């Protein structure tokens, strides 16, 4: 990647560590950037510039009134995966913002969820070489039974940071 990206450098530097330690470090690093994400106990299963896989178990602190995963927790998981994979490609001198977050809830989730966000090589190049832009980031969210309980559209935008 031509432009500097500290988040990507952290991910690269930790890849030789044991998987459980890597996931904790990625969670802490991303939680420092987006504090709310750090409170949800999201586990990072796979992280690269082209793919981020995150997991959220059904825990009491993120349940709704019927002991399923709360709607906001499900949306947070999808937003985290798409934001992380996009953020790994946006240069440090740019700001990343979600522009559209659309979630259709298809079924109650009693177990955990896994979200997988992916970027093609063309999408990565577009992000890295476009000063100001937006992109619909592909995301798939499945529950423990392998079913898709939510369908999402996550459009992320990036623009240069204002000079001080």
C-alpha atoms as a PDB file:
ATOM      1  CA  UNK A   1       0.000   0.000   0.000  1.00  0.00           C
ATOM      2  CA  UNK A   2       1.418   3.341  -1.029  1.00  0.00           C
ATOM      3  CA  UNK A   3       0.045   5.597   1.718  1.00  0.00           C
ATOM      4  CA  UNK A   4       0.537   5.087   5.453  1.00  0.00           C
ATOM      5  CA  UNK A   5      -2.065   3.150   7.455  1.00  0.00           C
ATOM      6  CA  UNK A   6      -1.189   2.529  11.129  1.00  0.00           C
ATOM      7  CA  UNK A   7      -4.088   0.130  11.708  1.00  0.00           C
ATOM      8  CA  UNK A   8      -2.845  -2.126   8.911  1.00  0.00           C
ATOM      9  CA  UNK A   9       0.686  -2.012  10.374  1.00  0.00           C
ATOM     10  CA  UNK A  10      -0.660  -3.153  13.774  1.00  0.00           C
ATOM     11  CA  UNK A  11      -2.498  -6.047  12.119  1.00  0.00           C
ATOM     12  CA  UNK A  12       0.612  -7.071  10.163  1.00  0.00           C
ATOM     13  CA  UNK A  13       2.856  -6.877  13.231  1.00  0.00           C
ATOM     14  CA  UNK A  14       0.596  -9.199  15.252  1.00  0.00           C
ATOM     15  CA  UNK A  15      -0.031 -11.964  12.706  1.00  0.00           C
ATOM     16  CA  UNK A  16       2.687 -14.251  14.129  1.00  0.00           C
ATOM     17  CA  UNK A  17       1.159 -14.176  17.614  1.00  0.00           C
ATOM     18  CA  UNK A  18      -1.236 -16.906  18.829  1.00  0.00           C
ATOM     19  CA  UNK A  19      -4.770 -16.465  17.492  1.00  0.00           C
ATOM     20  CA  UNK A  20      -6.406 -15.714  20.870  1.00  0.00           C
ATOM     21  CA  UNK A  21      -3.816 -13.045  21.713  1.00  0.00           C
ATOM     22  CA  UNK A  22      -4.116 -11.547  18.214  1.00  0.00           C
ATOM     23  CA  UNK A  23      -7.890 -11.249  18.559  1.00  0.00           C
ATOM     24  CA  UNK A  24      -7.526  -9.506  21.927  1.00  0.00           C
ATOM     25  CA  UNK A  25      -4.945  -7.063  20.567  1.00  0.00           C
ATOM     26  CA  UNK A  26      -7.068  -6.258  17.502  1.00  0.00           C
ATOM     27  CA  UNK A  27     -10.094  -5.743  19.746  1.00  0.00           C
ATOM     28  CA  UNK A  28      -8.134  -3.360  21.987  1.00  0.00           C
ATOM     29  CA  UNK A  29      -6.653  -1.468  18.999  1.00  0.00           C
ATOM     30  CA  UNK A  30      -9.992  -1.041  17.259  1.00  0.00           C
ATOM     31  CA  UNK A  31     -11.696  -0.272  20.581  1.00  0.00           C
ATOM     32  CA  UNK A  32      -9.275   2.628  21.087  1.00  0.00           C
ATOM     33  CA  UNK A  33     -10.306   4.056  17.725  1.00  0.00           C
ATOM     34  CA  UNK A  34     -14.046   3.437  18.254  1.00  0.00           C
ATOM     35  CA  UNK A  35     -14.677   3.175  22.031  1.00  0.00           C
ATOM     36  CA  UNK A  36     -18.194   1.694  21.749  1.00  0.00           C
ATOM     37  CA  UNK A  37     -16.842  -1.267  19.781  1.00  0.00           C
ATOM     38  CA  UNK A  38     -14.472  -2.012  22.654  1.00  0.00           C
ATOM     39  CA  UNK A  39     -17.414  -2.566  25.040  1.00  0.00           C
ATOM     40  CA  UNK A  40     -19.264  -5.269  23.067  1.00  0.00           C
ATOM     41  CA  UNK A  41     -16.767  -8.169  23.438  1.00  0.00           C
ATOM     42  CA  UNK A  42     -16.491  -8.611  19.679  1.00  0.00           C
ATOM     43  CA  UNK A  43     -13.910 -11.249  18.745  1.00  0.00           C
ATOM     44  CA  UNK A  44     -11.779 -10.807  15.642  1.00  0.00           C
ATOM     45  CA  UNK A  45     -11.395 -14.159  13.902  1.00  0.00           C
ATOM     46  CA  UNK A  46      -9.671 -13.031  10.703  1.00  0.00           C
ATOM     47  CA  UNK A  47      -8.266  -9.664   9.673  1.00  0.00           C
ATOM     48  CA  UNK A  48      -6.634  -8.687   6.385  1.00  0.00           C
ATOM     49  CA  UNK A  49      -6.906  -5.821   3.890  1.00  0.00           C
ATOM     50  CA  UNK A  50      -9.396  -7.874   1.912  1.00  0.00           C
ATOM     51  CA  UNK A  51     -11.405  -9.657   4.625  1.00  0.00           C
ATOM     52  CA  UNK A  52     -12.503  -9.141   8.226  1.00  0.00           C
ATOM     53  CA  UNK A  53     -14.404 -11.821  10.143  1.00  0.00           C
ATOM     54  CA  UNK A  54     -15.828 -10.903  13.552  1.00  0.00           C
ATOM     55  CA  UNK A  55     -17.896 -12.825  16.082  1.00  0.00           C
ATOM     56  CA  UNK A  56     -20.362 -11.814  18.758  1.00  0.00           C
ATOM     57  CA  UNK A  57     -21.636 -14.349  21.275  1.00  0.00           C
ATOM     58  CA  UNK A  58     -25.060 -13.991  22.836  1.00  0.00           C
ATOM     59  CA  UNK A  59     -24.244 -12.533  26.256  1.00  0.00           C
ATOM     60  CA  UNK A  60     -26.638 -11.041  28.759  1.00  0.00           C
ATOM     61  CA  UNK A  61     -25.288  -7.485  28.350  1.00  0.00           C
ATOM     62  CA  UNK A  62     -26.254  -7.407  24.648  1.00  0.00           C
ATOM     63  CA  UNK A  63     -29.588  -9.232  24.784  1.00  0.00           C
ATOM     64  CA  UNK A  64     -33.040  -7.880  24.084  1.00  0.00           C
ATOM     65  CA  UNK A  65     -36.129  -8.516  26.209  1.00  0.00           C
ATOM     66  CA  UNK A  66     -36.595 -12.055  24.757  1.00  0.00           C
ATOM     67  CA  UNK A  67     -32.962 -13.140  25.357  1.00  0.00           C
ATOM     68  CA  UNK A  68     -32.010 -12.818  21.698  1.00  0.00           C
ATOM     69  CA  UNK A  69     -29.196 -10.623  20.453  1.00  0.00           C
ATOM     70  CA  UNK A  70     -30.275  -6.990  20.570  1.00  0.00           C
ATOM     71  CA  UNK A  71     -30.914  -5.392  17.157  1.00  0.00           C
ATOM     72  CA  UNK A  72     -28.309  -2.708  17.850  1.00  0.00           C
ATOM     73  CA  UNK A  73     -25.700  -5.375  18.704  1.00  0.00           C
ATOM     74  CA  UNK A  74     -26.350  -7.144  15.392  1.00  0.00           C
ATOM     75  CA  UNK A  75     -25.976  -3.872  13.488  1.00  0.00           C
ATOM     76  CA  UNK A  76     -22.812  -3.064  15.464  1.00  0.00           C
ATOM     77  CA  UNK A  77     -21.251  -6.376  14.435  1.00  0.00           C
ATOM     78  CA  UNK A  78     -21.909  -5.724  10.729  1.00  0.00           C
ATOM     79  CA  UNK A  79     -20.715  -2.124  11.033  1.00  0.00           C
ATOM     80  CA  UNK A  80     -17.544  -3.257  12.817  1.00  0.00           C
ATOM     81  CA  UNK A  81     -16.606  -5.786  10.132  1.00  0.00           C
ATOM     82  CA  UNK A  82     -17.238  -3.383   7.251  1.00  0.00           C
ATOM     83  CA  UNK A  83     -15.607  -0.450   9.017  1.00  0.00           C
ATOM     84  CA  UNK A  84     -12.505  -2.431   9.961  1.00  0.00           C
ATOM     85  CA  UNK A  85     -11.900  -3.803   6.452  1.00  0.00           C
ATOM     86  CA  UNK A  86     -12.446  -0.353   4.954  1.00  0.00           C
ATOM     87  CA  UNK A  87     -10.284   1.290   7.614  1.00  0.00           C
ATOM     88  CA  UNK A  88      -7.405  -1.046   6.770  1.00  0.00           C
ATOM     89  CA  UNK A  89      -7.344   0.507   3.301  1.00  0.00           C
ATOM     90  CA  UNK A  90      -7.974   4.197   4.018  1.00  0.00           C
ATOM     91  CA  UNK A  91      -4.757   6.244   4.437  1.00  0.00           C
ATOM     92  CA  UNK A  92      -4.063   7.813   7.851  1.00  0.00           C
ATOM     93  CA  UNK A  93      -4.472  11.331   6.453  1.00  0.00           C
ATOM     94  CA  UNK A  94      -8.157  10.612   5.731  1.00  0.00           C
ATOM     95  CA  UNK A  95     -11.228  10.224   7.925  1.00  0.00           C
ATOM     96  CA  UNK A  96     -13.596   7.276   7.567  1.00  0.00           C
ATOM     97  CA  UNK A  97     -17.340   7.645   8.218  1.00  0.00           C
ATOM     98  CA  UNK A  98     -20.338   5.412   7.749  1.00  0.00           C
ATOM     99  CA  UNK A  99     -22.763   7.046   5.328  1.00  0.00           C
ATOM    100  CA  UNK A 100     -25.540   4.442   5.112  1.00  0.00           C
ATOM    101  CA  UNK A 101     -26.398   1.728   7.610  1.00  0.00           C
ATOM    102  CA  UNK A 102     -29.433  -0.255   6.517  1.00  0.00           C
ATOM    103  CA  UNK A 103     -30.319  -3.459   8.348  1.00  0.00           C
ATOM    104  CA  UNK A 104     -33.267  -5.729   7.626  1.00  0.00           C
ATOM    105  CA  UNK A 105     -33.984  -8.105  10.512  1.00  0.00           C
ATOM    106  CA  UNK A 106     -35.131 -11.493   9.233  1.00  0.00           C
ATOM    107  CA  UNK A 107     -35.183 -13.673  12.371  1.00  0.00           C
ATOM    108  CA  UNK A 108     -34.506 -13.699  16.108  1.00  0.00           C
ATOM    109  CA  UNK A 109     -30.960 -14.675  17.030  1.00  0.00           C
ATOM    110  CA  UNK A 110     -30.696 -16.857  20.149  1.00  0.00           C
ATOM    111  CA  UNK A 111     -27.064 -17.917  19.641  1.00  0.00           C
ATOM    112  CA  UNK A 112     -24.070 -16.006  18.348  1.00  0.00           C
ATOM    113  CA  UNK A 113     -23.368 -14.234  15.066  1.00  0.00           C
ATOM    114  CA  UNK A 114     -20.424 -14.130  12.693  1.00  0.00           C
ATOM    115  CA  UNK A 115     -20.001 -11.281  10.208  1.00  0.00           C
ATOM    116  CA  UNK A 116     -17.695 -11.409   7.195  1.00  0.00           C
ATOM    117  CA  UNK A 117     -16.842  -8.246   5.270  1.00  0.00           C
ATOM    118  CA  UNK A 118     -14.824  -8.513   2.069  1.00  0.00           C
ATOM    119  CA  UNK A 119     -13.187  -6.205  -0.440  1.00  0.00           C
ATOM    120  CA  UNK A 120     -12.009  -7.145  -3.908  1.00  0.00           C
ATOM    121  CA  UNK A 121      -8.579  -6.020  -5.125  1.00  0.00           C
ATOM    122  CA  UNK A 122     -10.343  -3.442  -7.304  1.00  0.00           C
ATOM    123  CA  UNK A 123     -12.271  -2.048  -4.333  1.00  0.00           C
ATOM    124  CA  UNK A 124      -9.063  -1.830  -2.268  1.00  0.00           C
ATOM    125  CA  UNK A 125      -7.306   0.101  -5.048  1.00  0.00           C
ATOM    126  CA  UNK A 126     -10.321   2.394  -5.421  1.00  0.00           C
ATOM    127  CA  UNK A 127     -10.237   3.255  -1.704  1.00  0.00           C
ATOM    128  CA  UNK A 128      -6.475   3.740  -1.630  1.00  0.00           C
ATOM    129  CA  UNK A 129      -6.375   5.872  -4.786  1.00  0.00           C
ATOM    130  CA  UNK A 130      -9.526   7.971  -4.392  1.00  0.00           C
ATOM    131  CA  UNK A 131      -9.083  11.174  -2.402  1.00  0.00           C
ATOM    132  CA  UNK A 132     -12.759  11.421  -1.450  1.00  0.00           C
ATOM    133  CA  UNK A 133     -15.249   8.657  -2.115  1.00  0.00           C
ATOM    134  CA  UNK A 134     -17.765   6.128  -0.903  1.00  0.00           C
ATOM    135  CA  UNK A 135     -18.290   2.417  -1.341  1.00  0.00           C
ATOM    136  CA  UNK A 136     -20.944  -0.168  -0.502  1.00  0.00           C
ATOM    137  CA  UNK A 137     -18.983  -2.758   1.488  1.00  0.00           C
ATOM    138  CA  UNK A 138     -20.096  -6.387   1.024  1.00  0.00           C
ATOM    139  CA  UNK A 139     -21.147  -8.027   4.315  1.00  0.00           C
ATOM    140  CA  UNK A 140     -22.593 -11.404   5.213  1.00  0.00           C
ATOM    141  CA  UNK A 141     -23.896 -12.121   8.705  1.00  0.00           C
ATOM    142  CA  UNK A 142     -24.768 -15.687   9.747  1.00  0.00           C
ATOM    143  CA  UNK A 143     -25.970 -17.199  12.999  1.00  0.00           C
ATOM    144  CA  UNK A 144     -24.768 -20.407  14.666  1.00  0.00           C
ATOM    145  CA  UNK A 145     -27.167 -22.492  12.545  1.00  0.00           C
ATOM    146  CA  UNK A 146     -25.667 -21.080   9.339  1.00  0.00           C
ATOM    147  CA  UNK A 147     -28.725 -18.968   8.547  1.00  0.00           C
ATOM    148  CA  UNK A 148     -28.702 -15.281   7.631  1.00  0.00           C
ATOM    149  CA  UNK A 149     -30.746 -13.465  10.307  1.00  0.00           C
ATOM    150  CA  UNK A 150     -30.038  -9.977   8.950  1.00  0.00           C
ATOM    151  CA  UNK A 151     -29.343  -8.420   5.570  1.00  0.00           C
ATOM    152  CA  UNK A 152     -27.262  -5.275   5.544  1.00  0.00           C
ATOM    153  CA  UNK A 153     -26.154  -2.432   3.360  1.00  0.00           C
ATOM    154  CA  UNK A 154     -23.173  -0.526   4.727  1.00  0.00           C
ATOM    155  CA  UNK A 155     -21.875   2.392   2.672  1.00  0.00           C
ATOM    156  CA  UNK A 156     -18.623   3.887   3.967  1.00  0.00           C
ATOM    157  CA  UNK A 157     -17.228   7.271   2.910  1.00  0.00           C
ATOM    158  CA  UNK A 158     -13.752   8.730   3.312  1.00  0.00           C
ATOM    159  CA  UNK A 159     -12.350  12.201   2.851  1.00  0.00           C
ATOM    160  CA  UNK A 160      -9.102  14.031   3.631  1.00  0.00           C
ATOM    161  CA  UNK A 161      -8.680  15.274   7.199  1.00  0.00           C
ATOM    162  CA  UNK A 162      -8.797  19.035   7.512  1.00  0.00           C
ATOM    163  CA  UNK A 163      -5.411  20.625   8.014  1.00  0.00           C
ATOM    164  CA  UNK A 164      -4.997  22.448  11.339  1.00  0.00           C
END
